[in-house]
Amino acid sequence: MSGAADRLPRLPACQLCYQKKIQCDSTRPTCTPCSKTGSECVVLNSGGDRAISRA
């Protein structure tokens, strides 16, 4: 059984990647798309009420 049980947990996409609907690689402190555009890499916590900056 090497299906879903072997997958790593999915990290949330940053706001830029989420809004542009692009793949976020979740690298730290700044993901590749944010790094290329010079944007701040911000991820909302699971509750959705507070932003967490990766930079």
N, C-alpha and C. Protein backbone atom coordinates (compact mmCIF):
# COMPACT_ATOMS: atom_id res chain seq x y z
N MET A 1 0.83 -1.18 0.00
CA MET A 1 0.00 0.00 0.00
C MET A 1 0.87 1.24 0.00
N SER A 2 1.25 1.70 -1.15
CA SER A 2 2.11 2.87 -1.23
C SER A 2 1.35 4.07 -1.79
N GLY A 3 0.10 4.18 -1.48
CA GLY A 3 -0.71 5.27 -2.01
C GLY A 3 -0.62 6.53 -1.18
N ALA A 4 -1.75 6.97 -0.69
CA ALA A 4 -1.83 8.23 0.04
C ALA A 4 -1.06 8.20 1.35
N ALA A 5 -0.86 7.05 1.93
CA ALA A 5 -0.17 6.95 3.21
C ALA A 5 1.29 7.35 3.10
N ASP A 6 1.91 7.21 1.93
CA ASP A 6 3.32 7.54 1.76
C ASP A 6 3.56 8.99 1.35
N ARG A 7 2.53 9.72 1.05
CA ARG A 7 2.69 11.10 0.61
C ARG A 7 3.04 12.01 1.78
N LEU A 8 3.85 13.01 1.49
CA LEU A 8 4.17 14.01 2.50
C LEU A 8 2.99 14.97 2.64
N PRO A 9 2.84 15.56 3.82
CA PRO A 9 1.74 16.51 3.98
C PRO A 9 1.95 17.72 3.07
N ARG A 10 0.88 18.22 2.53
CA ARG A 10 0.95 19.35 1.61
C ARG A 10 1.06 20.64 2.41
N LEU A 11 2.03 21.46 2.05
CA LEU A 11 2.20 22.75 2.70
C LEU A 11 1.29 23.76 2.02
N PRO A 12 0.78 24.72 2.78
CA PRO A 12 -0.12 25.71 2.16
C PRO A 12 0.64 26.61 1.20
N ALA A 13 -0.04 27.03 0.15
CA ALA A 13 0.56 27.95 -0.81
C ALA A 13 0.57 29.35 -0.22
N CYS A 14 1.54 30.15 -0.62
CA CYS A 14 1.59 31.54 -0.18
C CYS A 14 0.47 32.31 -0.89
N GLN A 15 0.22 33.52 -0.44
CA GLN A 15 -0.87 34.32 -1.00
C GLN A 15 -0.69 34.59 -2.49
N LEU A 16 0.52 34.91 -2.93
CA LEU A 16 0.76 35.21 -4.34
C LEU A 16 0.44 33.99 -5.21
N CYS A 17 0.96 32.84 -4.82
CA CYS A 17 0.73 31.62 -5.60
C CYS A 17 -0.75 31.23 -5.58
N TYR A 18 -1.40 31.42 -4.44
CA TYR A 18 -2.82 31.10 -4.32
C TYR A 18 -3.65 32.01 -5.23
N GLN A 19 -3.36 33.30 -5.21
CA GLN A 19 -4.12 34.25 -6.02
C GLN A 19 -3.89 34.04 -7.51
N LYS A 20 -2.65 33.72 -7.89
CA LYS A 20 -2.33 33.51 -9.30
C LYS A 20 -2.60 32.08 -9.75
N LYS A 21 -2.97 31.23 -8.79
CA LYS A 21 -3.25 29.81 -9.04
C LYS A 21 -2.07 29.12 -9.71
N ILE A 22 -0.89 29.32 -9.12
CA ILE A 22 0.33 28.68 -9.61
C ILE A 22 0.90 27.80 -8.52
N GLN A 23 1.79 26.90 -8.91
CA GLN A 23 2.39 25.95 -7.96
C GLN A 23 3.36 26.67 -7.04
N CYS A 24 3.14 26.57 -5.74
CA CYS A 24 4.04 27.15 -4.74
C CYS A 24 4.98 26.04 -4.27
N ASP A 25 6.29 26.29 -4.34
CA ASP A 25 7.23 25.25 -3.92
C ASP A 25 7.50 25.30 -2.41
N SER A 26 6.95 26.28 -1.72
CA SER A 26 7.02 26.40 -0.25
C SER A 26 8.44 26.42 0.29
N THR A 27 9.40 26.88 -0.51
CA THR A 27 10.76 27.00 0.00
C THR A 27 10.82 28.17 0.96
N ARG A 28 11.77 28.10 1.87
CA ARG A 28 11.91 29.14 2.88
C ARG A 28 13.21 29.89 2.68
N PRO A 29 13.28 31.17 2.95
CA PRO A 29 12.22 32.01 3.50
C PRO A 29 11.25 32.53 2.44
N THR A 30 11.60 32.43 1.16
CA THR A 30 10.74 32.94 0.09
C THR A 30 10.63 31.89 -1.01
N CYS A 31 9.40 31.62 -1.45
CA CYS A 31 9.22 30.64 -2.52
C CYS A 31 9.75 31.20 -3.84
N THR A 32 9.93 30.35 -4.81
CA THR A 32 10.52 30.75 -6.08
C THR A 32 9.69 31.81 -6.81
N PRO A 33 8.37 31.66 -6.95
CA PRO A 33 7.60 32.71 -7.63
C PRO A 33 7.70 34.07 -6.94
N CYS A 34 7.67 34.11 -5.62
CA CYS A 34 7.80 35.39 -4.90
C CYS A 34 9.19 35.96 -5.07
N SER A 35 10.17 35.09 -5.06
CA SER A 35 11.55 35.53 -5.25
C SER A 35 11.74 36.16 -6.63
N LYS A 36 11.15 35.56 -7.65
CA LYS A 36 11.29 36.06 -9.02
C LYS A 36 10.59 37.41 -9.20
N THR A 37 9.47 37.61 -8.50
CA THR A 37 8.72 38.86 -8.65
C THR A 37 9.11 39.90 -7.61
N GLY A 38 9.91 39.51 -6.62
CA GLY A 38 10.31 40.43 -5.56
C GLY A 38 9.19 40.70 -4.57
N SER A 39 8.21 39.81 -4.51
CA SER A 39 7.08 39.97 -3.61
C SER A 39 7.38 39.39 -2.24
N GLU A 40 6.63 39.86 -1.24
CA GLU A 40 6.74 39.29 0.09
C GLU A 40 6.01 37.95 0.09
N CYS A 41 6.64 36.93 0.63
CA CYS A 41 6.05 35.60 0.66
C CYS A 41 5.27 35.44 1.96
N VAL A 42 3.94 35.48 1.87
CA VAL A 42 3.08 35.44 3.05
C VAL A 42 2.15 34.24 2.96
N VAL A 43 2.09 33.48 4.06
CA VAL A 43 1.23 32.31 4.14
C VAL A 43 0.23 32.52 5.27
N LEU A 44 -1.05 32.25 5.02
CA LEU A 44 -2.05 32.31 6.08
C LEU A 44 -1.97 31.05 6.90
N ASN A 45 -2.15 31.21 8.23
CA ASN A 45 -2.15 30.02 9.07
C ASN A 45 -3.42 29.23 8.83
N SER A 46 -3.53 28.06 9.40
CA SER A 46 -4.65 27.16 9.12
C SER A 46 -5.99 27.76 9.51
N GLY A 47 -6.01 28.65 10.50
CA GLY A 47 -7.24 29.30 10.91
C GLY A 47 -7.67 30.37 9.94
N GLY A 48 -6.72 30.88 9.15
CA GLY A 48 -7.03 31.88 8.15
C GLY A 48 -7.18 33.28 8.70
N ASP A 49 -6.89 33.48 10.00
CA ASP A 49 -7.11 34.79 10.58
C ASP A 49 -5.84 35.61 10.73
N ARG A 50 -4.69 35.01 10.51
CA ARG A 50 -3.44 35.73 10.72
C ARG A 50 -2.43 35.36 9.65
N ALA A 51 -1.79 36.35 9.07
CA ALA A 51 -0.79 36.09 8.03
C ALA A 51 0.57 35.86 8.68
N ILE A 52 1.33 34.94 8.12
CA ILE A 52 2.67 34.64 8.60
C ILE A 52 3.63 34.91 7.46
N SER A 53 4.56 35.84 7.67
CA SER A 53 5.54 36.16 6.64
C SER A 53 6.68 35.17 6.70
N ARG A 54 7.09 34.65 5.55
CA ARG A 54 8.22 33.72 5.50
C ARG A 54 9.54 34.45 5.42
N ALA A 55 9.49 35.70 5.03
CA ALA A 55 10.74 36.46 4.84
C ALA A 55 11.34 36.91 6.15
